[in-house]
């Protein structure tokens, strides 16, 4: 009898290793999970902020519980893993991935389990849950170093308290605070995106757009069908750059999940960015309507503070040189800032647009220009495009004008040129 129990324990332990090996291989992790978890505990990256984002005050974050189950599984502590899986589904009964993992653990008590999600069920749904498990586990390996900064965001206005970044490749949303002009990590969340990925081109293509957007409103769950969960944060897709490039569609939101499910698979929306309801509630507290930028990228790159400051200096230098050239009233100097591929917001080419500009400024002397409330971003999907937005205050004699302007700078060879410009 003792020999039978020992053999069974060994078989079950081997089963646990097989399941974990499948998960680790699928998520492209190169280090043993237990060792990685131990190292992660010694060197917390943005992970501590996950405690801030706990969905309910008296319950641990389900993603933290999920990680604990993986850790116990990796150490072949199946009884402890099952206990934590029980806790996970007890606290979050609509977390389908938690139920799948618990099902595997129960199945291990009676038979070998060689793959993740070995329970009987529709293959398409099991595939979706496996993908969610892979994405969540892979994130442990790819969390950015807290000393690094997101390359895409170079400068926010003083009154912009937060910026949201969506990393489609990792199914992750990051929140950064504007800390006296410096970016400070706040939290990150698992998200779902379009069924066919990113780079939305037209209505109905089931893709999530790539670009820089702004939250336009906050819709409460009471005003929406259950499908959108606890609420929605619409964004201004298509933005002006989308329209210039012929992209169409509408109704792209950040929204929650239906009551019967805690989360959705990584690729499952018609183009929206979907969070769990508790995470959406937390995120909504960081949002200011009309002010909070939402940067959606296929992948968010993180760079050193030195590199980030160098890129920010480049952006401010470009715009300040443009300002000085505008003050000079020298047509040649002004024209050197603009690309031959330039288009105005009215579709005018450079020569047509500049002729109108010169006509408007004819006879004007002693111009002084001051730029305020500037923001700078690298445009997602375009490594060599910087978007600058600022308030331009111009003084001509005793007169004063103030306009909000946005410029798209593209690198052409070794030089940066304005390819699109509009007044907001």
Foldseek 3Di string as FASTA:
>chain_A
DVVVVVVLLVLLLVLLVLALVQLCVLLVPDDQLLVLVVVCVVAPAQVVLVQVLQLDVVDGRLLVLVSVLSNCSSVSVLVVSLVSLVVSCVVPVLAVLSVQQNVVSVVSSPDRHRYRRPDDDDPVVSVLSSQQSSLSSSVSVVPDGQQWDWLFWQWAFPPQQWAWEAALQSQKIWIWGCDVTDTHTNDMFHKAFFLVEAPAAEAQPRHAYAWKWAFADKAAPVVDPLQQPGTKTAIPPPDLVSVVVRGYHGDAIEGEGHPSHQHGGRHDGSHHIYGGNSSVVVVVVSHDHPRYMYGYANGTDIHHPVVSNVVSVVVVVLVVQLQVLVQVLPLVSNCVQADQLAAESVGDGDVVVVVVVCVVCPPFHRKHKDWHRKTWGAIHPANFKIKIWTWIWMDTPNDIDIWIKIFIWGDDPNDIHTRYMYTD
